Amino acid sequence: MKILSSFVLSLALISTAGIASAAGDAQAGKATAATCMGCHGAPGLRNAYPAFRVPKLGGQQEQYLIVALKAYQSGERSHPTMQAQAGSMSDTEINNVAAYFSGLAGPDAVELGDGDANAGAAKAQACFACHGAGGKKPIAPMYPSLAGQYPDYLSHALADYKSGARNNAIMKGFAAALSKQDMEDIAAYFGSQASSLSTPTNW
């Protein structure tokens, strides 16, 4: 486990080299984010197929949101609605939307999903190298906070990394060794952690 964590950390540090921060305008982002709120402003809303809850974006890492939107633009992440949404945005609009959502932190309910959070605590240790202990404080701004995120969304994301539907070498290498139960347990663990991630309903 220590070897895996060190390997993941090394890859993470390499991948962060040369990434510049973008200063987004949160107030301008509020107007652009209006179309996002139909899904991301509805607590517990489920994606039609496959069925998983739309992720919480309030309080998420600003740089991670930028990376995610650009991954949908480039096709590194596959989701028709998100690809269409991100594809219509300029770099400035992406930066502004990311700044807006990252500033909407707030307490939200935690939950376990279908997994075993106690078993997931041990299995999630390798994740801490990038996402921080408990998934609460990532080591770099382009990595997402995982604590408090919907468990079914997290397990779906892990499955996508394993299958290649999300194209990320670090995550694919990690997810490749995970069974479906492992994914659900890890997701349950992170979902059970208190955090500032939330679904912004008052915007």
Protein backbone atom coordinates (compact mmCIF):
# COMPACT_ATOMS: atom_id res chain seq x y z
CA MET A 1 0.00 0.00 0.00
CA LYS A 2 2.87 2.39 0.83
CA ILE A 3 4.51 1.62 -2.51
CA LEU A 4 1.26 2.34 -4.37
CA SER A 5 0.76 5.59 -2.46
CA SER A 6 4.31 6.73 -3.26
CA PHE A 7 3.85 5.86 -6.93
CA VAL A 8 0.57 7.77 -7.14
CA LEU A 9 2.11 10.75 -5.35
CA SER A 10 5.07 10.81 -7.75
CA LEU A 11 2.75 10.78 -10.76
CA ALA A 12 0.64 13.48 -9.16
CA LEU A 13 3.59 15.78 -8.64
CA ILE A 14 4.72 15.27 -12.22
CA SER A 15 1.23 16.02 -13.55
CA THR A 16 0.97 19.31 -11.64
CA ALA A 17 4.11 20.78 -13.15
CA GLY A 18 3.46 23.84 -15.29
CA ILE A 19 -0.25 24.20 -14.40
CA ALA A 20 -1.10 27.85 -13.97
CA SER A 21 -3.91 29.15 -11.79
CA ALA A 22 -6.72 30.96 -13.47
CA ALA A 23 -8.34 33.87 -11.72
CA GLY A 24 -12.06 33.56 -12.36
CA ASP A 25 -14.73 36.19 -11.75
CA ALA A 26 -17.31 34.56 -9.50
CA GLN A 27 -19.92 37.26 -10.08
CA ALA A 28 -19.69 36.86 -13.84
CA GLY A 29 -19.74 33.10 -13.33
CA LYS A 30 -23.10 33.28 -11.61
CA ALA A 31 -24.84 34.27 -14.85
CA THR A 32 -23.09 31.58 -16.89
CA ALA A 33 -23.85 28.97 -14.20
CA ALA A 34 -27.60 29.52 -14.52
CA THR A 35 -27.86 26.70 -17.07
CA CYS A 36 -25.80 24.41 -14.79
CA MET A 37 -28.21 24.86 -11.91
CA GLY A 38 -30.98 22.89 -13.60
CA CYS A 39 -29.02 19.77 -12.60
CA HIS A 40 -26.35 20.86 -10.12
CA GLY A 41 -28.77 22.98 -8.10
CA ALA A 42 -31.23 20.14 -7.50
CA PRO A 43 -30.24 18.06 -4.44
CA GLY A 44 -30.24 14.32 -5.15
CA LEU A 45 -31.11 14.65 -8.84
CA ARG A 46 -30.14 11.48 -10.71
CA ASN A 47 -28.51 11.13 -14.07
CA ALA A 48 -30.94 9.25 -16.36
CA TYR A 49 -28.57 6.47 -17.42
CA PRO A 50 -26.53 5.17 -15.83
CA ALA A 51 -28.33 6.18 -12.65
CA PHE A 52 -26.13 8.15 -10.27
CA ARG A 53 -26.68 11.43 -8.51
CA VAL A 54 -25.43 14.60 -10.12
CA PRO A 55 -22.31 15.60 -8.15
CA LYS A 56 -22.18 18.37 -5.58
CA LEU A 57 -20.19 21.32 -6.94
CA GLY A 58 -20.63 23.90 -4.19
CA GLY A 59 -17.32 24.34 -2.36
CA GLN A 60 -15.38 22.15 -4.80
CA GLN A 61 -11.80 23.04 -5.75
CA GLU A 62 -11.82 25.84 -8.34
CA GLN A 63 -8.93 24.48 -10.39
CA TYR A 64 -10.44 20.99 -10.37
CA LEU A 65 -13.69 22.32 -11.82
CA ILE A 66 -11.70 23.96 -14.62
CA VAL A 67 -9.84 20.71 -15.33
CA ALA A 68 -13.10 18.73 -15.33
CA LEU A 69 -14.90 21.09 -17.72
CA LYS A 70 -11.96 21.08 -20.11
CA ALA A 71 -11.87 17.28 -19.96
CA TYR A 72 -15.50 17.23 -21.11
CA GLN A 73 -14.60 19.70 -23.87
CA SER A 74 -11.76 17.53 -25.13
CA GLY A 75 -13.63 14.24 -24.84
CA GLU A 76 -11.39 12.90 -22.07
CA ARG A 77 -14.63 12.52 -20.11
CA SER A 78 -17.68 11.06 -21.80
CA HIS A 79 -21.10 12.49 -20.94
CA PRO A 80 -23.24 13.96 -23.76
CA THR A 81 -24.90 16.68 -21.69
CA MET A 82 -21.68 17.81 -20.05
CA GLN A 83 -19.75 17.67 -23.32
CA ALA A 84 -22.36 19.90 -24.95
CA GLN A 85 -22.43 22.25 -21.98
CA ALA A 86 -18.66 22.58 -21.67
CA GLY A 87 -18.23 22.72 -25.43
CA SER A 88 -20.23 25.93 -25.58
CA MET A 89 -18.03 27.71 -23.00
CA SER A 90 -14.99 29.89 -23.59
CA ASP A 91 -11.95 29.57 -21.32
CA THR A 92 -13.02 32.76 -19.54
CA GLU A 93 -16.52 31.40 -18.93
CA ILE A 94 -15.09 28.13 -17.58
CA ASN A 95 -12.83 30.03 -15.19
CA ASN A 96 -15.72 32.20 -14.03
CA VAL A 97 -18.12 29.29 -13.47
CA ALA A 98 -15.43 27.42 -11.53
CA ALA A 99 -14.82 30.46 -9.32
CA TYR A 100 -18.55 30.80 -8.71
CA PHE A 101 -19.20 27.19 -7.69
CA SER A 102 -16.08 26.96 -5.54
CA GLY A 103 -17.36 29.88 -3.47
CA LEU A 104 -20.67 28.16 -2.65
CA ALA A 105 -19.42 25.93 0.15
CA GLY A 106 -21.88 24.88 2.80
CA PRO A 107 -22.61 22.00 5.17
CA ASP A 108 -24.54 19.11 3.66
CA ALA A 109 -25.73 15.69 4.79
CA VAL A 110 -23.33 12.74 4.59
CA GLU A 111 -24.28 9.21 3.58
CA LEU A 112 -22.86 5.75 2.95
CA GLY A 113 -24.48 4.56 -0.26
CA ASP A 114 -24.29 0.82 -0.93
CA GLY A 115 -20.78 0.24 0.39
CA ASP A 116 -19.14 -0.51 3.72
CA ALA A 117 -17.50 2.68 4.97
CA ASN A 118 -15.40 0.84 7.56
CA ALA A 119 -13.93 -1.45 4.91
CA GLY A 120 -13.55 1.56 2.62
CA ALA A 121 -11.44 3.43 5.17
CA ALA A 122 -8.61 0.94 4.70
CA LYS A 123 -9.04 0.69 0.93
CA ALA A 124 -9.03 4.48 0.54
CA GLN A 125 -5.57 4.97 2.06
CA ALA A 126 -3.90 5.15 -1.37
CA CYS A 127 -6.28 7.96 -2.33
CA PHE A 128 -4.94 10.15 0.45
CA ALA A 129 -1.67 10.71 -1.45
CA CYS A 130 -3.52 13.07 -3.80
CA HIS A 131 -6.88 13.82 -2.17
CA GLY A 132 -5.67 14.26 1.41
CA ALA A 133 -6.71 12.43 4.55
CA GLY A 134 -10.41 11.71 4.42
CA GLY A 135 -10.56 13.32 0.97
CA LYS A 136 -10.89 16.71 2.65
CA LYS A 137 -7.78 18.61 1.55
CA PRO A 138 -6.21 17.61 -1.78
CA ILE A 139 -2.48 18.18 -2.15
CA ALA A 140 -2.95 20.19 -5.35
CA PRO A 141 -5.71 22.58 -6.45
CA MET A 142 -6.59 20.56 -9.55
CA TYR A 143 -7.58 17.48 -7.54
CA PRO A 144 -11.15 17.25 -6.23
CA SER A 145 -12.29 17.17 -2.65
CA LEU A 146 -13.98 13.78 -2.18
CA ALA A 147 -15.30 14.08 1.37
CA GLY A 148 -19.08 14.38 1.44
CA GLN A 149 -19.58 13.70 -2.27
CA TYR A 150 -22.45 11.42 -3.29
CA PRO A 151 -21.21 7.80 -2.97
CA ASP A 152 -22.97 6.58 -6.11
CA TYR A 153 -21.32 9.37 -8.12
CA LEU A 154 -17.89 8.46 -6.73
CA SER A 155 -18.28 4.75 -7.47
CA HIS A 156 -19.49 5.58 -10.99
CA ALA A 157 -16.47 7.84 -11.54
CA LEU A 158 -14.11 5.06 -10.40
CA ALA A 159 -15.79 2.62 -12.78
CA ASP A 160 -15.36 5.13 -15.62
CA TYR A 161 -11.66 5.49 -14.86
CA LYS A 162 -11.29 1.72 -14.85
CA SER A 163 -13.12 1.31 -18.17
CA GLY A 164 -11.38 4.24 -19.82
CA ALA A 165 -14.57 6.31 -20.20
CA ARG A 166 -12.59 8.88 -18.23
CA ASN A 167 -9.11 9.17 -19.65
CA ASN A 168 -6.67 9.83 -16.80
CA ALA A 169 -3.52 7.72 -16.46
CA ILE A 170 -3.16 8.16 -12.70
CA MET A 171 -6.75 7.29 -11.88
CA LYS A 172 -6.94 4.50 -14.44
CA GLY A 173 -3.88 2.85 -12.87
CA PHE A 174 -5.44 3.08 -9.42
CA ALA A 175 -8.94 1.97 -10.44
CA ALA A 176 -7.68 -0.97 -12.50
CA ALA A 177 -7.03 -2.96 -9.34
CA LEU A 178 -10.43 -2.27 -7.77
CA SER A 179 -13.45 -4.57 -7.78
CA LYS A 180 -16.99 -3.20 -7.87
CA GLN A 181 -17.24 -3.83 -4.12
CA ASP A 182 -13.97 -1.99 -3.52
CA MET A 183 -15.32 1.01 -5.41
CA GLU A 184 -18.55 1.03 -3.43
CA ASP A 185 -16.68 0.71 -0.13
CA ILE A 186 -14.28 3.54 -0.97
CA ALA A 187 -17.19 5.69 -2.13
CA ALA A 188 -19.08 4.94 1.08
CA TYR A 189 -16.08 5.98 3.14
CA PHE A 190 -15.62 9.33 1.39
CA GLY A 191 -19.37 9.95 1.32
CA SER A 192 -19.47 9.51 5.09
CA GLN A 193 -16.90 12.25 5.71
CA ALA A 194 -18.13 15.68 6.74
CA SER A 195 -17.07 18.43 4.36
CA SER A 196 -18.06 21.75 2.84
CA LEU A 197 -19.24 20.21 -0.45
CA SER A 198 -22.87 21.03 -1.12
CA THR A 199 -25.59 21.33 -3.71
CA PRO A 200 -26.17 25.08 -3.95
CA THR A 201 -29.91 25.70 -3.77
CA ASN A 202 -29.86 29.36 -2.72
CA TRP A 203 -27.88 31.07 -5.44
